[in-house]
Amino acid sequence: MNAEIIAVGSELLLGQITNTNARFISNQLSELGINVYYHTVVGDNVGRLEEAIKIAESRANLIIFSGGLGPTKDDLTKETIAKYLQTELVYDEFAMKSIEEFFAKQNRNMTENNRKQALVLKDCDVLVNKHGLAPGMIFDYNNRIYMLLPGPPKEIEPMFQFEAKPKLAARLHKGTKIVSHVLRFYGIGEAELEVRIQDLLEHQSNPTIAPLASDGEVTLRITANAENDEQAWTLINQTKEEIISRVGEYLYGVDDDSLSSKVAEILITNNLTIAVAESLTAGLFQSELASNPGISQSLLGGMVTYTEQVKKEQLGMPDEILEQFGVVSAECAGAMASLVKDKFNSDIGVGLTGAAGPEAHGDKPAGTVWIGIAIGDDKPHTYRLQLSGVRNTNRLRAVKFAFHYLIQLLSEKGYSKI
């Protein structure tokens, strides 16, 4: 099956918002083995939308629309499609009741145009909107599938994942189950990873393997098609074991894991505490770590020691380290990790220092970063990065590498990372 995604909304063409829905839907469709060959964006105009539908019908048998299901006059997607497909719109009773209850709970008057959101294509498969008002719909017509979804990401993502996707899978793979599992890697480039598993990619059938690189990370999505979950997972685990045998040292998590959530999981599970001293990242490491629920039992605190004076006065950095080695050095990063660990009496201390850019720091070029990690009574481990000259990209990558190295160290000490 080939699909085309049509995003409707003049605000997309004007650059007022980003079309993240197309990326999300394409990613979800890939799990079902559906090819997406075209993304189309069209403004709030009946004639241009009709033209976009006609073009899409010439090259796709699944056409997915996002946006234009709201109550205002420029929300014209379902009206245009109903006219184009020569069908009518009818009120969905469940959707109407949900809309009425919403306004009643808000103690607001429901205007007549809000009733419009309960209209659906006659004889369609209605998709319940649990995070908004306008329902989605799947309409089968003339050997094609037309899917209409709301525009807001907070509505479209759960609707597609939990309402539309299972129904679409049932249409495509009757009597079968589709299961996906994501492996997450850090510290290896997409090109190198693909080289190591090239034969698996070339000979894949069931399960399939889909690589994706993003923000320095590489993911592999393994998708299996089987009669039941057990058989699907058997296929997935066989492929997973083969992949891990080749690049397992870079694997840090699975599915919805992130580098920070994996660190948080290891810390919390093993009752480990951590404190952080940050220079170039200015609290970013702590902010990322603090985004994970339950981290308060492990993250004791930290310090932003941006200047040499603050490093000496607040952290207790010895003068001789700064004078002999400088701020951007292994010695400084290691000392920062040890000093903050001792100051907060934590199990682990992390120190980050470097030249974020775009200017160099003395004789240290922009993008030079040192990371220090102190665990227990061991001598601090230090790591050097040579990143680009892009300031905020360097700061974010420094944090991610710090998480990566911390996961690796804790794994070596017997704290399982997967």
Protein backbone atom coordinates (compact mmCIF):
# COMPACT_ATOMS: atom_id res chain seq x y z
CA MET A 1 0.00 0.00 0.00
CA ASN A 2 1.22 3.49 -0.89
CA ALA A 3 0.18 6.51 1.15
CA GLU A 4 0.16 10.26 0.75
CA ILE A 5 -0.23 12.67 3.65
CA ILE A 6 -2.03 15.94 2.99
CA ALA A 7 -1.67 18.58 5.70
CA VAL A 8 -4.35 21.26 5.47
CA GLY A 9 -3.79 24.75 6.86
CA SER A 10 -2.58 28.08 5.56
CA GLU A 11 -0.62 28.55 8.78
CA LEU A 12 1.69 25.73 7.62
CA LEU A 13 2.41 27.49 4.33
CA LEU A 14 3.04 30.77 6.13
CA GLY A 15 5.61 29.12 8.38
CA GLN A 16 3.65 29.92 11.52
CA ILE A 17 3.75 26.28 12.65
CA THR A 18 5.84 23.26 11.69
CA ASN A 19 4.30 20.20 10.06
CA THR A 20 5.32 17.68 12.71
CA ASN A 21 2.21 15.58 12.03
CA ALA A 22 3.57 14.30 8.71
CA ARG A 23 6.76 13.11 10.38
CA PHE A 24 4.80 11.33 13.11
CA ILE A 25 2.34 9.66 10.74
CA SER A 26 5.08 8.55 8.34
CA ASN A 27 6.95 6.97 11.23
CA GLN A 28 3.83 5.11 12.35
CA LEU A 29 2.98 3.95 8.83
CA SER A 30 6.47 2.52 8.37
CA GLU A 31 5.73 0.12 11.21
CA LEU A 32 2.82 -1.22 9.18
CA GLY A 33 4.93 -1.63 6.07
CA ILE A 34 3.12 1.20 4.28
CA ASN A 35 5.18 3.33 1.91
CA VAL A 36 4.82 7.11 2.11
CA TYR A 37 6.02 8.66 -1.14
CA TYR A 38 4.58 12.18 -0.86
CA HIS A 39 3.88 14.84 1.76
CA THR A 40 1.59 17.60 0.54
CA VAL A 41 0.72 20.87 2.28
CA VAL A 42 -2.27 22.86 1.04
CA GLY A 43 -3.88 26.04 2.35
CA ASP A 44 -7.46 26.57 3.49
CA ASN A 45 -8.88 26.73 -0.01
CA VAL A 46 -11.53 24.40 -1.46
CA GLY A 47 -10.28 24.48 -5.04
CA ARG A 48 -6.64 23.79 -4.14
CA LEU A 49 -7.62 21.03 -1.71
CA GLU A 50 -9.73 19.33 -4.38
CA GLU A 51 -6.79 19.54 -6.76
CA ALA A 52 -4.49 18.02 -4.12
CA ILE A 53 -6.94 15.14 -3.60
CA LYS A 54 -7.11 14.45 -7.33
CA ILE A 55 -3.32 14.33 -7.60
CA ALA A 56 -3.02 12.11 -4.52
CA GLU A 57 -5.55 9.65 -5.95
CA SER A 58 -3.32 9.18 -9.01
CA ARG A 59 -0.43 7.88 -6.89
CA ALA A 60 -1.74 6.57 -3.55
CA ASN A 61 -4.42 4.22 -2.29
CA LEU A 62 -4.25 5.55 1.27
CA ILE A 63 -4.73 9.31 1.61
CA ILE A 64 -4.41 10.80 5.08
CA PHE A 65 -5.55 14.34 5.85
CA SER A 66 -4.47 16.26 8.95
CA GLY A 67 -6.18 19.48 10.05
CA GLY A 68 -9.27 21.38 9.04
CA LEU A 69 -11.79 19.56 11.24
CA GLY A 70 -12.46 22.44 13.63
CA PRO A 71 -15.46 24.76 14.08
CA THR A 72 -14.40 27.84 12.08
CA LYS A 73 -15.07 28.73 8.45
CA ASP A 74 -11.52 27.98 7.35
CA ASP A 75 -11.86 24.42 8.69
CA LEU A 76 -13.09 22.94 5.43
CA THR A 77 -11.46 19.52 5.09
CA LYS A 78 -14.42 17.22 5.67
CA GLU A 79 -16.85 19.44 3.78
CA THR A 80 -14.55 19.48 0.77
CA ILE A 81 -13.95 15.73 0.88
CA ALA A 82 -17.66 14.98 1.29
CA LYS A 83 -18.43 17.06 -1.79
CA TYR A 84 -15.53 15.57 -3.75
CA LEU A 85 -16.53 11.98 -2.94
CA GLN A 86 -20.23 12.76 -3.43
CA THR A 87 -21.28 11.67 0.03
CA GLU A 88 -22.97 13.52 2.86
CA LEU A 89 -22.05 14.60 6.36
CA VAL A 90 -24.04 13.34 9.32
CA TYR A 91 -23.85 14.04 13.03
CA ASP A 92 -22.10 11.45 15.15
CA GLU A 93 -24.14 11.13 18.35
CA PHE A 94 -21.21 10.15 20.57
CA ALA A 95 -19.10 13.07 19.35
CA MET A 96 -21.99 15.51 19.79
CA LYS A 97 -22.59 14.31 23.34
CA SER A 98 -18.89 14.66 24.15
CA ILE A 99 -18.83 18.22 22.80
CA GLU A 100 -21.93 19.20 24.79
CA GLU A 101 -20.48 17.70 27.98
CA PHE A 102 -17.22 19.56 27.42
CA PHE A 103 -18.92 22.95 27.29
CA ALA A 104 -21.16 22.07 30.23
CA LYS A 105 -18.17 21.18 32.40
CA GLN A 106 -16.43 24.39 31.36
CA ASN A 107 -19.61 26.35 32.19
CA ARG A 108 -19.44 27.95 28.74
CA ASN A 109 -22.07 28.52 26.10
CA MET A 110 -21.78 26.20 23.14
CA THR A 111 -22.08 28.19 19.93
CA GLU A 112 -23.76 26.72 16.86
CA ASN A 113 -20.53 26.38 14.90
CA ASN A 114 -19.17 23.96 17.51
CA ARG A 115 -21.82 21.48 16.40
CA LYS A 116 -19.94 21.32 13.12
CA GLN A 117 -17.15 19.38 14.82
CA ALA A 118 -19.48 16.42 15.36
CA LEU A 119 -20.10 16.01 11.61
CA VAL A 120 -18.58 12.93 9.97
CA LEU A 121 -18.73 11.32 6.54
CA LYS A 122 -21.76 9.05 6.27
CA ASP A 123 -20.92 5.34 6.79
CA CYS A 124 -17.34 6.10 7.84
CA ASP A 125 -15.45 4.37 10.64
CA VAL A 126 -15.40 7.06 13.35
CA LEU A 127 -12.20 7.62 15.35
CA VAL A 128 -12.88 8.80 18.88
CA ASN A 129 -11.03 11.95 19.95
CA LYS A 130 -10.13 11.52 23.63
CA HIS A 131 -7.98 14.63 23.71
CA GLY A 132 -10.12 17.12 21.81
CA LEU A 133 -13.55 17.66 20.27
CA ALA A 134 -13.51 16.79 16.57
CA PRO A 135 -13.54 13.03 15.81
CA GLY A 136 -11.44 11.54 13.07
CA MET A 137 -12.71 9.13 10.44
CA ILE A 138 -11.73 6.39 8.01
CA PHE A 139 -13.73 6.21 4.79
CA ASP A 140 -13.41 3.42 2.22
CA TYR A 141 -14.37 4.47 -1.28
CA ASN A 142 -13.54 3.18 -4.75
CA ASN A 143 -10.71 0.89 -3.55
CA ARG A 144 -9.05 3.69 -1.60
CA ILE A 145 -8.88 4.60 2.05
CA TYR A 146 -9.40 8.22 3.07
CA MET A 147 -8.40 9.04 6.65
CA LEU A 148 -9.27 12.39 8.24
CA LEU A 149 -7.46 13.43 11.41
CA PRO A 150 -7.44 16.60 13.55
CA GLY A 151 -4.51 19.01 13.32
CA PRO A 152 -3.26 19.56 16.91
CA PRO A 153 -0.43 17.09 17.68
CA LYS A 154 -1.84 16.40 21.15
CA GLU A 155 -4.98 15.09 19.44
CA ILE A 156 -3.66 13.47 16.28
CA GLU A 157 -0.87 11.42 17.89
CA PRO A 158 -2.95 9.43 20.39
CA MET A 159 -5.83 9.17 17.91
CA PHE A 160 -3.62 7.67 15.24
CA GLN A 161 -1.70 5.39 17.56
CA PHE A 162 -4.63 3.99 19.52
CA GLU A 163 -7.63 4.43 17.22
CA ALA A 164 -6.56 4.63 13.58
CA LYS A 165 -3.48 2.41 13.51
CA PRO A 166 -5.15 -0.78 14.81
CA LYS A 167 -8.04 -0.35 12.35
CA LEU A 168 -5.65 0.29 9.50
CA ALA A 169 -3.59 -2.76 10.47
CA ALA A 170 -6.74 -4.88 10.51
CA ARG A 171 -7.52 -3.79 6.96
CA LEU A 172 -4.02 -4.63 5.78
CA HIS A 173 -3.17 -7.74 7.76
CA LYS A 174 -6.34 -9.54 8.68
CA GLY A 175 -5.74 -12.14 11.36
CA THR A 176 -2.14 -11.07 11.98
CA LYS A 177 -0.32 -9.02 14.60
CA ILE A 178 2.27 -6.34 13.93
CA VAL A 179 4.76 -5.64 16.73
CA SER A 180 7.61 -3.13 16.73
CA HIS A 181 10.60 -2.79 19.02
CA VAL A 182 13.11 0.09 18.96
CA LEU A 183 16.79 -0.26 19.82
CA ARG A 184 18.60 2.97 20.77
CA PHE A 185 22.32 3.55 20.23
CA TYR A 186 24.74 6.34 21.11
CA GLY A 187 28.42 6.86 20.38
CA ILE A 188 28.27 5.29 16.92
CA GLY A 189 27.37 7.00 13.65
CA GLU A 190 24.54 5.87 11.41
CA ALA A 191 26.94 4.97 8.59
CA GLU A 192 29.16 2.77 10.77
CA LEU A 193 26.19 1.04 12.37
CA GLU A 194 24.69 0.26 8.96
CA VAL A 195 28.00 -1.16 7.74
CA ARG A 196 28.11 -3.54 10.69
CA ILE A 197 24.61 -4.88 10.01
CA GLN A 198 24.61 -4.43 6.23
CA ASP A 199 23.84 -8.07 5.47
CA LEU A 200 20.87 -8.01 7.86
CA LEU A 201 19.48 -4.94 6.10
CA GLU A 202 20.00 -6.42 2.65
CA HIS A 203 18.30 -9.74 3.43
CA GLN A 204 15.53 -8.54 5.73
CA SER A 205 11.99 -9.75 5.16
CA ASN A 206 10.18 -10.50 8.40
CA PRO A 207 11.06 -8.85 10.67
CA THR A 208 12.11 -5.64 8.94
CA ILE A 209 14.82 -3.30 10.25
CA ALA A 210 14.53 0.46 9.79
CA PRO A 211 17.49 2.70 10.79
CA LEU A 212 17.00 6.33 11.79
CA ALA A 213 19.52 8.95 12.95
CA SER A 214 18.49 11.91 15.12
CA ASP A 215 20.43 14.37 17.32
CA GLY A 216 23.54 12.22 17.49
CA GLU A 217 21.58 9.07 18.26
CA VAL A 218 20.83 6.13 16.00
CA THR A 219 17.76 3.93 16.34
CA LEU A 220 16.82 0.64 14.74
CA ARG A 221 13.12 -0.18 14.59
CA ILE A 222 12.48 -3.93 14.30
CA THR A 223 8.96 -4.75 13.07
CA ALA A 224 7.56 -8.29 12.92
CA ASN A 225 4.36 -9.61 11.37
CA ALA A 226 2.99 -12.82 12.90
CA GLU A 227 -0.16 -14.66 13.93
CA ASN A 228 0.17 -13.56 17.56
CA ASP A 229 2.32 -11.46 19.91
CA GLU A 230 4.40 -14.42 21.07
CA GLN A 231 5.45 -15.38 17.55
CA ALA A 232 6.16 -11.74 16.69
CA TRP A 233 8.42 -11.31 19.72
CA THR A 234 10.25 -14.53 18.89
CA LEU A 235 11.11 -13.11 15.49
CA ILE A 236 12.08 -9.74 16.97
CA ASN A 237 14.31 -11.23 19.68
CA GLN A 238 16.18 -13.41 17.18
CA THR A 239 17.05 -10.34 15.11
CA LYS A 240 17.75 -8.26 18.21
CA GLU A 241 20.28 -10.80 19.52
CA GLU A 242 22.12 -10.77 16.19
CA ILE A 243 22.26 -6.95 16.18
CA ILE A 244 23.47 -6.79 19.79
CA SER A 245 26.24 -9.29 19.02
CA ARG A 246 27.61 -6.75 16.53
CA VAL A 247 26.93 -3.31 18.04
CA GLY A 248 25.71 -4.05 21.56
CA GLU A 249 28.39 -1.91 23.20
CA TYR A 250 26.60 1.19 21.86
CA LEU A 251 23.09 0.10 22.86
CA TYR A 252 21.79 2.14 25.77
CA GLY A 253 18.02 1.64 25.74
CA VAL A 254 14.90 0.50 23.96
CA ASP A 255 11.52 1.84 22.81
CA ASP A 256 10.75 5.13 24.60
CA ASP A 257 14.03 5.34 26.53
CA SER A 258 16.19 8.44 26.26
CA LEU A 259 19.73 8.89 27.51
CA SER A 260 18.53 10.91 30.50
CA SER A 261 15.68 8.52 31.34
CA LYS A 262 18.08 5.57 31.20
CA VAL A 263 20.47 7.29 33.60
CA ALA A 264 17.54 8.11 35.88
CA GLU A 265 16.33 4.51 35.77
CA ILE A 266 19.76 3.12 36.70
CA LEU A 267 20.22 5.64 39.51
CA ILE A 268 16.77 5.13 41.01
CA THR A 269 16.76 1.35 40.69
CA ASN A 270 20.15 1.05 42.39
CA ASN A 271 19.59 3.77 45.03
CA LEU A 272 22.51 5.81 43.72
CA THR A 273 22.83 9.54 44.28
CA ILE A 274 24.39 12.09 41.96
CA ALA A 275 25.58 15.72 42.03
CA VAL A 276 26.74 17.81 39.09
CA ALA A 277 29.10 20.75 38.51
CA GLU A 278 28.54 22.46 35.16
CA SER A 279 30.39 25.16 33.31
CA LEU A 280 29.64 25.35 29.57
CA THR A 281 26.32 23.47 29.96
CA ALA A 282 25.13 25.88 32.69
CA GLY A 283 22.63 23.51 34.33
CA LEU A 284 21.47 21.71 31.18
CA PHE A 285 22.59 18.30 32.45
CA GLN A 286 20.60 18.75 35.64
CA SER A 287 17.59 20.09 33.76
CA GLU A 288 17.53 17.07 31.42
CA LEU A 289 17.92 14.64 34.30
CA ALA A 290 15.24 16.40 36.35
CA SER A 291 12.69 15.88 33.56
CA ASN A 292 12.37 12.24 34.67
CA PRO A 293 9.79 11.37 37.36
CA GLY A 294 11.17 10.10 40.65
CA ILE A 295 14.65 11.53 40.11
CA SER A 296 14.42 13.57 43.34
CA GLN A 297 15.59 10.53 45.29
CA SER A 298 18.83 10.42 43.29
CA LEU A 299 19.62 13.97 42.11
CA LEU A 300 20.86 15.69 45.25
CA GLY A 301 21.78 18.96 43.58
CA GLY A 302 24.45 20.73 41.61
CA MET A 303 26.29 23.92 40.83
CA VAL A 304 26.77 26.14 37.80
CA THR A 305 30.39 27.22 38.12
CA TYR A 306 30.78 29.27 34.98
CA THR A 307 33.78 31.41 35.91
CA GLU A 308 37.17 30.54 37.37
CA GLN A 309 36.40 32.60 40.45
CA VAL A 310 33.20 30.69 41.17
CA LYS A 311 34.98 27.39 40.55
CA LYS A 312 37.50 28.34 43.23
CA GLU A 313 35.22 30.07 45.74
CA GLN A 314 32.11 27.88 45.57
CA LEU A 315 33.42 24.53 44.37
CA GLY A 316 36.85 24.68 46.01
CA MET A 317 38.90 24.24 42.83
CA PRO A 318 42.65 24.36 43.68
CA ASP A 319 44.51 27.29 42.13
CA GLU A 320 47.26 25.02 40.83
CA ILE A 321 44.86 23.06 38.58
CA LEU A 322 43.61 26.19 36.88
CA GLU A 323 47.07 27.73 36.65
CA GLN A 324 48.83 24.63 35.36
CA PHE A 325 46.14 23.00 33.17
CA GLY A 326 43.47 25.63 32.60
CA VAL A 327 39.69 25.48 32.73
CA VAL A 328 39.31 23.41 29.56
CA SER A 329 41.24 20.35 30.67
CA ALA A 330 40.89 16.78 31.89
CA GLU A 331 42.27 17.83 35.26
CA CYS A 332 39.63 20.54 35.70
CA ALA A 333 36.75 18.27 34.64
CA GLY A 334 37.93 15.47 36.93
CA ALA A 335 38.36 17.85 39.86
CA MET A 336 34.89 19.33 39.28
CA ALA A 337 33.37 15.84 39.43
CA SER A 338 35.21 14.89 42.62
CA LEU A 339 34.66 18.19 44.37
CA VAL A 340 30.91 18.32 43.70
CA LYS A 341 30.57 14.67 44.78
CA ASP A 342 32.27 15.45 48.07
CA LYS A 343 30.39 18.71 48.59
CA PHE A 344 26.99 17.01 48.21
CA ASN A 345 28.11 13.67 49.70
CA SER A 346 26.77 11.80 46.68
CA ASP A 347 27.73 8.45 45.17
CA ILE A 348 28.49 10.01 41.79
CA GLY A 349 29.86 13.36 40.70
CA VAL A 350 29.81 14.74 37.16
CA GLY A 351 31.77 17.74 35.87
CA LEU A 352 31.41 19.43 32.47
CA THR A 353 33.73 22.13 31.17
CA GLY A 354 34.80 23.34 27.76
CA ALA A 355 34.71 25.94 25.01
CA ALA A 356 31.12 26.00 23.78
CA GLY A 357 31.95 28.30 20.87
CA PRO A 358 31.87 29.99 18.52
CA GLU A 359 35.13 31.48 19.83
CA ALA A 360 38.09 29.46 21.10
CA HIS A 361 39.04 29.48 24.78
CA GLY A 362 42.68 30.47 24.71
CA ASP A 363 44.50 27.78 22.74
CA LYS A 364 41.51 25.40 23.03
CA PRO A 365 39.44 25.48 19.82
CA ALA A 366 35.67 25.95 19.94
CA GLY A 367 33.91 22.67 20.61
CA THR A 368 36.58 21.29 22.94
CA VAL A 369 34.76 19.67 25.85
CA TRP A 370 35.97 17.72 28.85
CA ILE A 371 33.65 15.52 30.91
CA GLY A 372 34.61 14.18 34.33
CA ILE A 373 32.79 11.39 36.19
CA ALA A 374 33.69 10.35 39.72
CA ILE A 375 32.10 7.21 41.17
CA GLY A 376 32.73 6.22 44.77
CA ASP A 377 36.38 6.31 45.77
CA ASP A 378 37.64 5.61 42.25
CA LYS A 379 39.87 8.06 40.41
CA PRO A 380 37.70 10.30 38.19
CA HIS A 381 37.25 9.19 34.59
CA THR A 382 37.68 11.95 32.02
CA TYR A 383 36.57 12.16 28.40
CA ARG A 384 37.51 14.62 25.68
CA LEU A 385 35.15 15.68 22.88
CA GLN A 386 35.99 17.77 19.86
CA LEU A 387 32.66 19.06 18.61
CA SER A 388 31.68 21.67 16.02
CA GLY A 389 31.70 25.43 16.46
CA VAL A 390 27.93 25.66 16.91
CA ARG A 391 27.46 26.82 20.49
CA ASN A 392 24.12 25.44 21.64
CA THR A 393 24.51 22.24 19.65
CA ASN A 394 27.78 21.66 21.48
CA ARG A 395 26.16 22.23 24.85
CA LEU A 396 23.39 19.72 24.14
CA ARG A 397 25.78 17.14 22.71
CA ALA A 398 28.08 17.52 25.72
CA VAL A 399 25.17 16.64 27.99
CA LYS A 400 24.21 13.63 25.87
CA PHE A 401 27.78 12.34 25.83
CA ALA A 402 27.96 12.78 29.60
CA PHE A 403 24.85 10.62 29.97
CA HIS A 404 26.31 8.11 27.51
CA TYR A 405 29.62 7.78 29.36
CA LEU A 406 27.86 7.55 32.70
CA ILE A 407 25.67 4.68 31.42
CA GLN A 408 28.78 2.90 30.13
CA LEU A 409 30.67 3.31 33.41
CA LEU A 410 27.75 2.13 35.52
CA SER A 411 27.28 -0.84 33.21
CA GLU A 412 30.94 -1.80 33.66
CA LYS A 413 30.37 -1.71 37.41
CA GLY A 414 27.51 -4.19 37.13
CA TYR A 415 24.55 -1.82 36.98
CA SER A 416 22.63 -3.22 34.00
CA LYS A 417 21.85 -0.71 31.24
CA ILE A 418 19.13 -2.77 29.49
